Amino acid sequence: MCIRDRPGDTVEVRDGRVYVNGFPDQEPYPTEPLNYSAPLTVVEPRTVYVLGDNRSNSEDSHRWGLLNQDLIIGTAWVVIYPFPKAGVVAHMEPKVSMPTALGP
């Protein structure tokens, strides 16, 4: 998943690729060319631009725009795929509380 949360960054999808600040995004895993375009979007303060891993079939910022950071209630802490990299994310310790587990 690609998340951009630095105010002033630009994100655009064109020619089957994601561009951040005018340069092709360097993702750590191979992706298929995208079957859509998304206009240049400037990341505003207190928002994030989110793209799912299954890019051509994801409901994410390319469809509904920037996400307000106040709406984020959880943190990803486990990698499931690709299988060789499966496990707990190295820079985080899982923290689960009942309100987070049950939702808002």
PDB file of N, CA and C in Angstrom:
ATOM      1  N   MET A   1       0.841  -1.173   0.000  1.00  0.00           N
ATOM      2  CA  MET A   1       0.000   0.000   0.000  1.00  0.00           C
ATOM      3  C   MET A   1       0.886   1.237   0.000  1.00  0.00           C
ATOM      4  N   CYS A   2       0.506   2.194  -0.781  1.00  0.00           N
ATOM      5  CA  CYS A   2       1.227   3.457  -0.860  1.00  0.00           C
ATOM      6  C   CYS A   2       0.441   4.516  -0.093  1.00  0.00           C
ATOM      7  N   ILE A   3       1.083   5.191   0.832  1.00  0.00           N
ATOM      8  CA  ILE A   3       0.431   6.269   1.569  1.00  0.00           C
ATOM      9  C   ILE A   3       1.333   7.486   1.514  1.00  0.00           C
ATOM     10  N   ARG A   4       0.786   8.607   1.089  1.00  0.00           N
ATOM     11  CA  ARG A   4       1.532   9.866   1.060  1.00  0.00           C
ATOM     12  C   ARG A   4       0.862  10.801   2.047  1.00  0.00           C
ATOM     13  N   ASP A   5       1.605  11.287   3.033  1.00  0.00           N
ATOM     14  CA  ASP A   5       1.014  12.161   4.036  1.00  0.00           C
ATOM     15  C   ASP A   5       1.833  13.415   4.284  1.00  0.00           C
ATOM     16  N   ARG A   6       2.706  13.755   3.367  1.00  0.00           N
ATOM     17  CA  ARG A   6       3.490  14.983   3.530  1.00  0.00           C
ATOM     18  C   ARG A   6       2.777  16.109   2.798  1.00  0.00           C
ATOM     19  N   PRO A   7       2.306  17.113   3.542  1.00  0.00           N
ATOM     20  CA  PRO A   7       1.623  18.230   2.892  1.00  0.00           C
ATOM     21  C   PRO A   7       2.477  18.820   1.778  1.00  0.00           C
ATOM     22  N   GLY A   8       1.839  19.073   0.655  1.00  0.00           N
ATOM     23  CA  GLY A   8       2.538  19.640  -0.495  1.00  0.00           C
ATOM     24  C   GLY A   8       2.991  18.611  -1.504  1.00  0.00           C
ATOM     25  N   ASP A   9       3.093  17.331  -1.102  1.00  0.00           N
ATOM     26  CA  ASP A   9       3.413  16.287  -2.076  1.00  0.00           C
ATOM     27  C   ASP A   9       2.313  16.251  -3.135  1.00  0.00           C
ATOM     28  N   THR A  10       2.685  15.870  -4.343  1.00  0.00           N
ATOM     29  CA  THR A  10       1.686  15.661  -5.382  1.00  0.00           C
ATOM     30  C   THR A  10       1.675  14.186  -5.751  1.00  0.00           C
ATOM     31  N   VAL A  11       0.480  13.679  -6.059  1.00  0.00           N
ATOM     32  CA  VAL A  11       0.307  12.289  -6.486  1.00  0.00           C
ATOM     33  C   VAL A  11      -0.532  12.311  -7.753  1.00  0.00           C
ATOM     34  N   GLU A  12      -0.118  11.508  -8.721  1.00  0.00           N
ATOM     35  CA  GLU A  12      -0.834  11.425  -9.993  1.00  0.00           C
ATOM     36  C   GLU A  12      -0.682  10.009 -10.526  1.00  0.00           C
ATOM     37  N   VAL A  13      -1.704   9.516 -11.218  1.00  0.00           N
ATOM     38  CA  VAL A  13      -1.614   8.222 -11.884  1.00  0.00           C
ATOM     39  C   VAL A  13      -1.792   8.481 -13.379  1.00  0.00           C
ATOM     40  N   ARG A  14      -0.773   8.117 -14.142  1.00  0.00           N
ATOM     41  CA  ARG A  14      -0.846   8.279 -15.599  1.00  0.00           C
ATOM     42  C   ARG A  14       0.062   7.257 -16.264  1.00  0.00           C
ATOM     43  N   ASP A  15      -0.303   6.900 -17.472  1.00  0.00           N
ATOM     44  CA  ASP A  15       0.500   5.952 -18.255  1.00  0.00           C
ATOM     45  C   ASP A  15       0.745   4.646 -17.498  1.00  0.00           C
ATOM     46  N   GLY A  16      -0.225   4.236 -16.660  1.00  0.00           N
ATOM     47  CA  GLY A  16      -0.114   2.969 -15.945  1.00  0.00           C
ATOM     48  C   GLY A  16       0.802   2.989 -14.741  1.00  0.00           C
ATOM     49  N   ARG A  17       1.225   4.191 -14.286  1.00  0.00           N
ATOM     50  CA  ARG A  17       2.152   4.297 -13.153  1.00  0.00           C
ATOM     51  C   ARG A  17       1.698   5.369 -12.178  1.00  0.00           C
ATOM     52  N   VAL A  18       2.179   5.237 -10.920  1.00  0.00           N
ATOM     53  CA  VAL A  18       1.952   6.246  -9.893  1.00  0.00           C
ATOM     54  C   VAL A  18       3.150   7.190  -9.897  1.00  0.00           C
ATOM     55  N   TYR A  19       2.868   8.491  -9.913  1.00  0.00           N
ATOM     56  CA  TYR A  19       3.917   9.503  -9.869  1.00  0.00           C
ATOM     57  C   TYR A  19       3.766  10.318  -8.593  1.00  0.00           C
ATOM     58  N   VAL A  20       4.855  10.473  -7.860  1.00  0.00           N
ATOM     59  CA  VAL A  20       4.881  11.290  -6.651  1.00  0.00           C
ATOM     60  C   VAL A  20       5.856  12.434  -6.904  1.00  0.00           C
ATOM     61  N   ASN A  21       5.351  13.645  -6.776  1.00  0.00           N
ATOM     62  CA  ASN A  21       6.147  14.846  -7.029  1.00  0.00           C
ATOM     63  C   ASN A  21       6.793  14.822  -8.414  1.00  0.00           C
ATOM     64  N   GLY A  22       6.049  14.253  -9.381  1.00  0.00           N
ATOM     65  CA  GLY A  22       6.505  14.242 -10.769  1.00  0.00           C
ATOM     66  C   GLY A  22       7.397  13.081 -11.160  1.00  0.00           C
ATOM     67  N   PHE A  23       7.779  12.243 -10.196  1.00  0.00           N
ATOM     68  CA  PHE A  23       8.671  11.109 -10.477  1.00  0.00           C
ATOM     69  C   PHE A  23       7.930   9.792 -10.262  1.00  0.00           C
ATOM     70  N   PRO A  24       8.242   8.764 -11.067  1.00  0.00           N
ATOM     71  CA  PRO A  24       7.604   7.458 -10.845  1.00  0.00           C
ATOM     72  C   PRO A  24       7.881   6.960  -9.430  1.00  0.00           C
ATOM     73  N   ASP A  25       6.834   6.493  -8.741  1.00  0.00           N
ATOM     74  CA  ASP A  25       6.999   5.993  -7.380  1.00  0.00           C
ATOM     75  C   ASP A  25       7.806   4.700  -7.415  1.00  0.00           C
ATOM     76  N   GLN A  26       8.797   4.599  -6.565  1.00  0.00           N
ATOM     77  CA  GLN A  26       9.645   3.414  -6.483  1.00  0.00           C
ATOM     78  C   GLN A  26       9.068   2.488  -5.414  1.00  0.00           C
ATOM     79  N   GLU A  27       8.287   1.526  -5.831  1.00  0.00           N
ATOM     80  CA  GLU A  27       7.648   0.622  -4.879  1.00  0.00           C
ATOM     81  C   GLU A  27       8.504  -0.617  -4.683  1.00  0.00           C
ATOM     82  N   PRO A  28       8.485  -1.189  -3.469  1.00  0.00           N
ATOM     83  CA  PRO A  28       9.373  -2.309  -3.154  1.00  0.00           C
ATOM     84  C   PRO A  28       8.892  -3.662  -3.676  1.00  0.00           C
ATOM     85  N   TYR A  29       7.827  -3.679  -4.473  1.00  0.00           N
ATOM     86  CA  TYR A  29       7.316  -4.931  -5.004  1.00  0.00           C
ATOM     87  C   TYR A  29       6.812  -4.673  -6.415  1.00  0.00           C
ATOM     88  N   PRO A  30       6.823  -5.714  -7.263  1.00  0.00           N
ATOM     89  CA  PRO A  30       6.352  -5.514  -8.638  1.00  0.00           C
ATOM     90  C   PRO A  30       4.839  -5.288  -8.663  1.00  0.00           C
ATOM     91  N   THR A  31       4.413  -4.398  -9.523  1.00  0.00           N
ATOM     92  CA  THR A  31       2.983  -4.156  -9.697  1.00  0.00           C
ATOM     93  C   THR A  31       2.648  -4.244 -11.175  1.00  0.00           C
ATOM     94  N   GLU A  32       1.415  -4.581 -11.448  1.00  0.00           N
ATOM     95  CA  GLU A  32       0.924  -4.598 -12.817  1.00  0.00           C
ATOM     96  C   GLU A  32       0.653  -3.151 -13.242  1.00  0.00           C
ATOM     97  N   PRO A  33       0.750  -2.858 -14.532  1.00  0.00           N
ATOM     98  CA  PRO A  33       0.382  -1.504 -14.974  1.00  0.00           C
ATOM     99  C   PRO A  33      -1.066  -1.209 -14.590  1.00  0.00           C
ATOM    100  N   LEU A  34      -1.319   0.010 -14.199  1.00  0.00           N
ATOM    101  CA  LEU A  34      -2.662   0.398 -13.768  1.00  0.00           C
ATOM    102  C   LEU A  34      -3.576   0.601 -14.966  1.00  0.00           C
ATOM    103  N   ASN A  35      -4.842   0.280 -14.787  1.00  0.00           N
ATOM    104  CA  ASN A  35      -5.801   0.419 -15.880  1.00  0.00           C
ATOM    105  C   ASN A  35      -6.672   1.667 -15.710  1.00  0.00           C
ATOM    106  N   TYR A  36      -6.155   2.677 -15.010  1.00  0.00           N
ATOM    107  CA  TYR A  36      -6.889   3.922 -14.822  1.00  0.00           C
ATOM    108  C   TYR A  36      -5.905   5.083 -14.705  1.00  0.00           C
ATOM    109  N   SER A  37      -6.441   6.280 -14.751  1.00  0.00           N
ATOM    110  CA  SER A  37      -5.662   7.491 -14.513  1.00  0.00           C
ATOM    111  C   SER A  37      -6.302   8.235 -13.354  1.00  0.00           C
ATOM    112  N   ALA A  38      -5.519   9.034 -12.645  1.00  0.00           N
ATOM    113  CA  ALA A  38      -6.033   9.884 -11.578  1.00  0.00           C
ATOM    114  C   ALA A  38      -5.333  11.230 -11.710  1.00  0.00           C
ATOM    115  N   PRO A  39      -6.085  12.316 -11.592  1.00  0.00           N
ATOM    116  CA  PRO A  39      -5.493  13.632 -11.793  1.00  0.00           C
ATOM    117  C   PRO A  39      -4.481  13.984 -10.712  1.00  0.00           C
ATOM    118  N   LEU A  40      -3.619  14.936 -11.037  1.00  0.00           N
ATOM    119  CA  LEU A  40      -2.651  15.438 -10.076  1.00  0.00           C
ATOM    120  C   LEU A  40      -3.395  15.959  -8.845  1.00  0.00           C
ATOM    121  N   THR A  41      -3.010  15.454  -7.678  1.00  0.00           N
ATOM    122  CA  THR A  41      -3.630  15.852  -6.418  1.00  0.00           C
ATOM    123  C   THR A  41      -2.546  16.323  -5.472  1.00  0.00           C
ATOM    124  N   VAL A  42      -2.765  17.463  -4.824  1.00  0.00           N
ATOM    125  CA  VAL A  42      -1.835  17.982  -3.827  1.00  0.00           C
ATOM    126  C   VAL A  42      -2.303  17.503  -2.462  1.00  0.00           C
ATOM    127  N   VAL A  43      -1.400  16.853  -1.717  1.00  0.00           N
ATOM    128  CA  VAL A  43      -1.737  16.367  -0.375  1.00  0.00           C
ATOM    129  C   VAL A  43      -1.829  17.573   0.560  1.00  0.00           C
ATOM    130  N   GLU A  44      -2.993  17.722   1.159  1.00  0.00           N
ATOM    131  CA  GLU A  44      -3.246  18.848   2.062  1.00  0.00           C
ATOM    132  C   GLU A  44      -2.852  18.461   3.490  1.00  0.00           C
ATOM    133  N   PRO A  45      -2.606  19.457   4.353  1.00  0.00           N
ATOM    134  CA  PRO A  45      -2.289  19.149   5.757  1.00  0.00           C
ATOM    135  C   PRO A  45      -3.387  18.303   6.394  1.00  0.00           C
ATOM    136  N   ARG A  46      -2.996  17.362   7.259  1.00  0.00           N
ATOM    137  CA  ARG A  46      -3.903  16.489   8.021  1.00  0.00           C
ATOM    138  C   ARG A  46      -4.702  15.538   7.137  1.00  0.00           C
ATOM    139  N   THR A  47      -4.174  15.234   5.924  1.00  0.00           N
ATOM    140  CA  THR A  47      -4.809  14.261   5.043  1.00  0.00           C
ATOM    141  C   THR A  47      -3.758  13.276   4.544  1.00  0.00           C
ATOM    142  N   VAL A  48      -4.215  12.167   3.980  1.00  0.00           N
ATOM    143  CA  VAL A  48      -3.328  11.194   3.349  1.00  0.00           C
ATOM    144  C   VAL A  48      -3.914  10.781   2.007  1.00  0.00           C
ATOM    145  N   TYR A  49      -3.058  10.432   1.078  1.00  0.00           N
ATOM    146  CA  TYR A  49      -3.454   9.861  -0.205  1.00  0.00           C
ATOM    147  C   TYR A  49      -3.138   8.383  -0.097  1.00  0.00           C
ATOM    148  N   VAL A  50      -4.145   7.537  -0.212  1.00  0.00           N
ATOM    149  CA  VAL A  50      -4.003   6.104   0.034  1.00  0.00           C
ATOM    150  C   VAL A  50      -4.282   5.328  -1.249  1.00  0.00           C
ATOM    151  N   LEU A  51      -3.393   4.371  -1.567  1.00  0.00           N
ATOM    152  CA  LEU A  51      -3.612   3.462  -2.689  1.00  0.00           C
ATOM    153  C   LEU A  51      -3.462   2.035  -2.191  1.00  0.00           C
ATOM    154  N   GLY A  52      -4.420   1.184  -2.528  1.00  0.00           N
ATOM    155  CA  GLY A  52      -4.373  -0.211  -2.112  1.00  0.00           C
ATOM    156  C   GLY A  52      -3.356  -1.014  -2.898  1.00  0.00           C
ATOM    157  N   ASP A  53      -3.007  -2.183  -2.371  1.00  0.00           N
ATOM    158  CA  ASP A  53      -2.033  -3.055  -3.025  1.00  0.00           C
ATOM    159  C   ASP A  53      -2.541  -3.582  -4.368  1.00  0.00           C
ATOM    160  N   ASN A  54      -3.804  -3.911  -4.451  1.00  0.00           N
ATOM    161  CA  ASN A  54      -4.401  -4.415  -5.691  1.00  0.00           C
ATOM    162  C   ASN A  54      -4.907  -3.209  -6.476  1.00  0.00           C
ATOM    163  N   ARG A  55      -3.978  -2.411  -6.978  1.00  0.00           N
ATOM    164  CA  ARG A  55      -4.255  -1.085  -7.488  1.00  0.00           C
ATOM    165  C   ARG A  55      -5.439  -0.990  -8.452  1.00  0.00           C
ATOM    166  N   SER A  56      -5.503  -1.843  -9.453  1.00  0.00           N
ATOM    167  CA  SER A  56      -6.555  -1.702 -10.460  1.00  0.00           C
ATOM    168  C   SER A  56      -7.926  -2.099  -9.944  1.00  0.00           C
ATOM    169  N   ASN A  57      -7.998  -2.708  -8.757  1.00  0.00           N
ATOM    170  CA  ASN A  57      -9.280  -3.126  -8.190  1.00  0.00           C
ATOM    171  C   ASN A  57      -9.480  -2.602  -6.776  1.00  0.00           C
ATOM    172  N   SER A  58      -8.831  -1.510  -6.408  1.00  0.00           N
ATOM    173  CA  SER A  58      -8.938  -0.973  -5.054  1.00  0.00           C
ATOM    174  C   SER A  58      -9.873   0.226  -5.003  1.00  0.00           C
ATOM    175  N   GLU A  59     -10.635   0.291  -3.928  1.00  0.00           N
ATOM    176  CA  GLU A  59     -11.413   1.495  -3.623  1.00  0.00           C
ATOM    177  C   GLU A  59     -10.530   2.322  -2.709  1.00  0.00           C
ATOM    178  N   ASP A  60      -9.953   3.386  -3.240  1.00  0.00           N
ATOM    179  CA  ASP A  60      -8.971   4.163  -2.487  1.00  0.00           C
ATOM    180  C   ASP A  60      -8.996   5.606  -2.955  1.00  0.00           C
ATOM    181  N   SER A  61      -7.949   6.348  -2.676  1.00  0.00           N
ATOM    182  CA  SER A  61      -7.938   7.782  -2.972  1.00  0.00           C
ATOM    183  C   SER A  61      -8.086   8.098  -4.452  1.00  0.00           C
ATOM    184  N   HIS A  62      -7.748   7.182  -5.337  1.00  0.00           N
ATOM    185  CA  HIS A  62      -7.938   7.489  -6.759  1.00  0.00           C
ATOM    186  C   HIS A  62      -9.419   7.578  -7.094  1.00  0.00           C
ATOM    187  N   ARG A  63     -10.277   7.009  -6.244  1.00  0.00           N
ATOM    188  CA  ARG A  63     -11.736   7.092  -6.456  1.00  0.00           C
ATOM    189  C   ARG A  63     -12.393   8.142  -5.573  1.00  0.00           C
ATOM    190  N   TRP A  64     -12.004   8.213  -4.282  1.00  0.00           N
ATOM    191  CA  TRP A  64     -12.722   9.089  -3.354  1.00  0.00           C
ATOM    192  C   TRP A  64     -11.899  10.224  -2.783  1.00  0.00           C
ATOM    193  N   GLY A  65     -10.684  10.416  -3.239  1.00  0.00           N
ATOM    194  CA  GLY A  65      -9.895  11.576  -2.844  1.00  0.00           C
ATOM    195  C   GLY A  65      -9.102  11.376  -1.564  1.00  0.00           C
ATOM    196  N   LEU A  66      -8.650  12.476  -1.018  1.00  0.00           N
ATOM    197  CA  LEU A  66      -7.821  12.452   0.185  1.00  0.00           C
ATOM    198  C   LEU A  66      -8.617  11.972   1.393  1.00  0.00           C
ATOM    199  N   LEU A  67      -7.929  11.318   2.318  1.00  0.00           N
ATOM    200  CA  LEU A  67      -8.540  10.813   3.551  1.00  0.00           C
ATOM    201  C   LEU A  67      -8.071  11.674   4.716  1.00  0.00           C
ATOM    202  N   ASN A  68      -9.011  12.157   5.516  1.00  0.00           N
ATOM    203  CA  ASN A  68      -8.680  12.947   6.691  1.00  0.00           C
ATOM    204  C   ASN A  68      -8.001  12.040   7.709  1.00  0.00           C
ATOM    205  N   GLN A  69      -6.861  12.466   8.250  1.00  0.00           N
ATOM    206  CA  GLN A  69      -6.114  11.642   9.203  1.00  0.00           C
ATOM    207  C   GLN A  69      -6.928  11.323  10.457  1.00  0.00           C
ATOM    208  N   ASP A  70      -7.882  12.166  10.813  1.00  0.00           N
ATOM    209  CA  ASP A  70      -8.703  11.912  11.994  1.00  0.00           C
ATOM    210  C   ASP A  70      -9.570  10.666  11.838  1.00  0.00           C
ATOM    211  N   LEU A  71      -9.757  10.189  10.600  1.00  0.00           N
ATOM    212  CA  LEU A  71     -10.581   9.004  10.360  1.00  0.00           C
ATOM    213  C   LEU A  71      -9.785   7.704  10.443  1.00  0.00           C
ATOM    214  N   ILE A  72      -8.476   7.790  10.613  1.00  0.00           N
ATOM    215  CA  ILE A  72      -7.638   6.591  10.710  1.00  0.00           C
ATOM    216  C   ILE A  72      -7.674   6.107  12.149  1.00  0.00           C
ATOM    217  N   ILE A  73      -8.161   4.861  12.339  1.00  0.00           N
ATOM    218  CA  ILE A  73      -8.309   4.339  13.697  1.00  0.00           C
ATOM    219  C   ILE A  73      -7.430   3.122  13.968  1.00  0.00           C
ATOM    220  N   GLY A  74      -6.672   2.680  12.988  1.00  0.00           N
ATOM    221  CA  GLY A  74      -5.858   1.486  13.193  1.00  0.00           C
ATOM    222  C   GLY A  74      -4.506   1.617  12.525  1.00  0.00           C
ATOM    223  N   THR A  75      -3.661   0.643  12.773  1.00  0.00           N
ATOM    224  CA  THR A  75      -2.324   0.602  12.209  1.00  0.00           C
ATOM    225  C   THR A  75      -2.053  -0.806  11.699  1.00  0.00           C
ATOM    226  N   ALA A  76      -1.541  -0.901  10.487  1.00  0.00           N
ATOM    227  CA  ALA A  76      -1.146  -2.210   9.971  1.00  0.00           C
ATOM    228  C   ALA A  76       0.121  -2.646  10.693  1.00  0.00           C
ATOM    229  N   TRP A  77       0.149  -3.885  11.183  1.00  0.00           N
ATOM    230  CA  TRP A  77       1.339  -4.350  11.888  1.00  0.00           C
ATOM    231  C   TRP A  77       1.783  -5.738  11.448  1.00  0.00           C
ATOM    232  N   VAL A  78       1.090  -6.319  10.465  1.00  0.00           N
ATOM    233  CA  VAL A  78       1.473  -7.636   9.969  1.00  0.00           C
ATOM    234  C   VAL A  78       1.513  -7.608   8.444  1.00  0.00           C
ATOM    235  N   VAL A  79       2.567  -8.200   7.864  1.00  0.00           N
ATOM    236  CA  VAL A  79       2.674  -8.397   6.422  1.00  0.00           C
ATOM    237  C   VAL A  79       2.245  -9.830   6.140  1.00  0.00           C
ATOM    238  N   ILE A  80       1.306  -9.996   5.228  1.00  0.00           N
ATOM    239  CA  ILE A  80       0.853 -11.339   4.861  1.00  0.00           C
ATOM    240  C   ILE A  80       1.421 -11.745   3.500  1.00  0.00           C
ATOM    241  N   TYR A  81       1.521 -10.806   2.587  1.00  0.00           N
ATOM    242  CA  TYR A  81       1.989 -11.093   1.241  1.00  0.00           C
ATOM    243  C   TYR A  81       2.926  -9.990   0.805  1.00  0.00           C
ATOM    244  N   PRO A  82       3.997 -10.288   0.125  1.00  0.00           N
ATOM    245  CA  PRO A  82       4.407 -11.580  -0.392  1.00  0.00           C
ATOM    246  C   PRO A  82       4.856 -12.521   0.728  1.00  0.00           C
ATOM    247  N   PHE A  83       4.593 -13.786   0.539  1.00  0.00           N
ATOM    248  CA  PHE A  83       4.828 -14.783   1.580  1.00  0.00           C
ATOM    249  C   PHE A  83       6.251 -14.777   2.160  1.00  0.00           C
ATOM    250  N   PRO A  84       7.285 -14.590   1.340  1.00  0.00           N
ATOM    251  CA  PRO A  84       8.639 -14.582   1.928  1.00  0.00           C
ATOM    252  C   PRO A  84       8.862 -13.444   2.936  1.00  0.00           C
ATOM    253  N   LYS A  85       8.042 -12.395   2.871  1.00  0.00           N
ATOM    254  CA  LYS A  85       8.188 -11.263   3.791  1.00  0.00           C
ATOM    255  C   LYS A  85       7.116 -11.254   4.875  1.00  0.00           C
ATOM    256  N   ALA A  86       6.360 -12.332   5.008  1.00  0.00           N
ATOM    257  CA  ALA A  86       5.282 -12.397   5.994  1.00  0.00           C
ATOM    258  C   ALA A  86       5.844 -12.298   7.410  1.00  0.00           C
ATOM    259  N   GLY A  87       5.100 -11.610   8.268  1.00  0.00           N
ATOM    260  CA  GLY A  87       5.500 -11.479   9.665  1.00  0.00           C
ATOM    261  C   GLY A  87       5.107 -10.122  10.222  1.00  0.00           C
ATOM    262  N   VAL A  88       5.540  -9.859  11.450  1.00  0.00           N
ATOM    263  CA  VAL A  88       5.258  -8.594  12.116  1.00  0.00           C
ATOM    264  C   VAL A  88       6.132  -7.508  11.508  1.00  0.00           C
ATOM    265  N   VAL A  89       5.562  -6.327  11.271  1.00  0.00           N
ATOM    266  CA  VAL A  89       6.317  -5.205  10.733  1.00  0.00           C
ATOM    267  C   VAL A  89       7.406  -4.850  11.742  1.00  0.00           C
ATOM    268  N   ALA A  90       8.634  -4.791  11.281  1.00  0.00           N
ATOM    269  CA  ALA A  90       9.787  -4.665  12.173  1.00  0.00           C
ATOM    270  C   ALA A  90       9.785  -3.406  13.028  1.00  0.00           C
ATOM    271  N   HIS A  91       9.260  -2.299  12.545  1.00  0.00           N
ATOM    272  CA  HIS A  91       9.347  -1.048  13.283  1.00  0.00           C
ATOM    273  C   HIS A  91       8.157  -0.803  14.210  1.00  0.00           C
ATOM    274  N   MET A  92       7.279  -1.786  14.366  1.00  0.00           N
ATOM    275  CA  MET A  92       6.097  -1.599  15.201  1.00  0.00           C
ATOM    276  C   MET A  92       5.870  -2.788  16.114  1.00  0.00           C
ATOM    277  N   GLU A  93       5.326  -2.514  17.256  1.00  0.00           N
ATOM    278  CA  GLU A  93       4.843  -3.580  18.123  1.00  0.00           C
ATOM    279  C   GLU A  93       3.335  -3.537  18.071  1.00  0.00           C
ATOM    280  N   PRO A  94       2.682  -4.678  17.906  1.00  0.00           N
ATOM    281  CA  PRO A  94       1.228  -4.670  17.823  1.00  0.00           C
ATOM    282  C   PRO A  94       0.609  -4.172  19.128  1.00  0.00           C
ATOM    283  N   LYS A  95      -0.321  -3.245  18.992  1.00  0.00           N
ATOM    284  CA  LYS A  95      -1.048  -2.708  20.133  1.00  0.00           C
ATOM    285  C   LYS A  95      -2.524  -2.756  19.787  1.00  0.00           C
ATOM    286  N   VAL A  96      -3.252  -3.604  20.441  1.00  0.00           N
ATOM    287  CA  VAL A  96      -4.680  -3.732  20.158  1.00  0.00           C
ATOM    288  C   VAL A  96      -5.458  -3.414  21.423  1.00  0.00           C
ATOM    289  N   SER A  97      -6.383  -2.494  21.295  1.00  0.00           N
ATOM    290  CA  SER A  97      -7.256  -2.191  22.428  1.00  0.00           C
ATOM    291  C   SER A  97      -8.680  -2.524  22.015  1.00  0.00           C
ATOM    292  N   MET A  98      -9.535  -2.737  22.954  1.00  0.00           N
ATOM    293  CA  MET A  98     -10.905  -3.103  22.629  1.00  0.00           C
ATOM    294  C   MET A  98     -11.596  -2.054  21.766  1.00  0.00           C
ATOM    295  N   PRO A  99     -11.493  -0.748  22.063  1.00  0.00           N
ATOM    296  CA  PRO A  99     -12.171   0.214  21.193  1.00  0.00           C
ATOM    297  C   PRO A  99     -11.682   0.149  19.746  1.00  0.00           C
ATOM    298  N   THR A 100     -10.358  -0.033  19.529  1.00  0.00           N
ATOM    299  CA  THR A 100      -9.834  -0.128  18.168  1.00  0.00           C
ATOM    300  C   THR A 100     -10.298  -1.408  17.510  1.00  0.00           C
ATOM    301  N   ALA A 101     -10.266  -2.510  18.238  1.00  0.00           N
ATOM    302  CA  ALA A 101     -10.663  -3.789  17.670  1.00  0.00           C
ATOM    303  C   ALA A 101     -12.135  -3.800  17.285  1.00  0.00           C
ATOM    304  N   LEU A 102     -12.967  -3.110  18.034  1.00  0.00           N
ATOM    305  CA  LEU A 102     -14.395  -3.103  17.780  1.00  0.00           C
ATOM    306  C   LEU A 102     -14.823  -1.964  16.862  1.00  0.00           C
ATOM    307  N   GLY A 103     -13.928  -1.023  16.599  1.00  0.00           N
ATOM    308  CA  GLY A 103     -14.267   0.127  15.758  1.00  0.00           C
ATOM    309  C   GLY A 103     -14.720   1.295  16.605  1.00  0.00           C
ATOM    310  N   PRO A 104     -15.073   2.402  15.959  1.00  0.00           N
ATOM    311  CA  PRO A 104     -15.451   3.603  16.713  1.00  0.00           C
ATOM    312  C   PRO A 104     -16.764   3.442  17.452  1.00  0.00           C
TER     313      PRO A 104
END
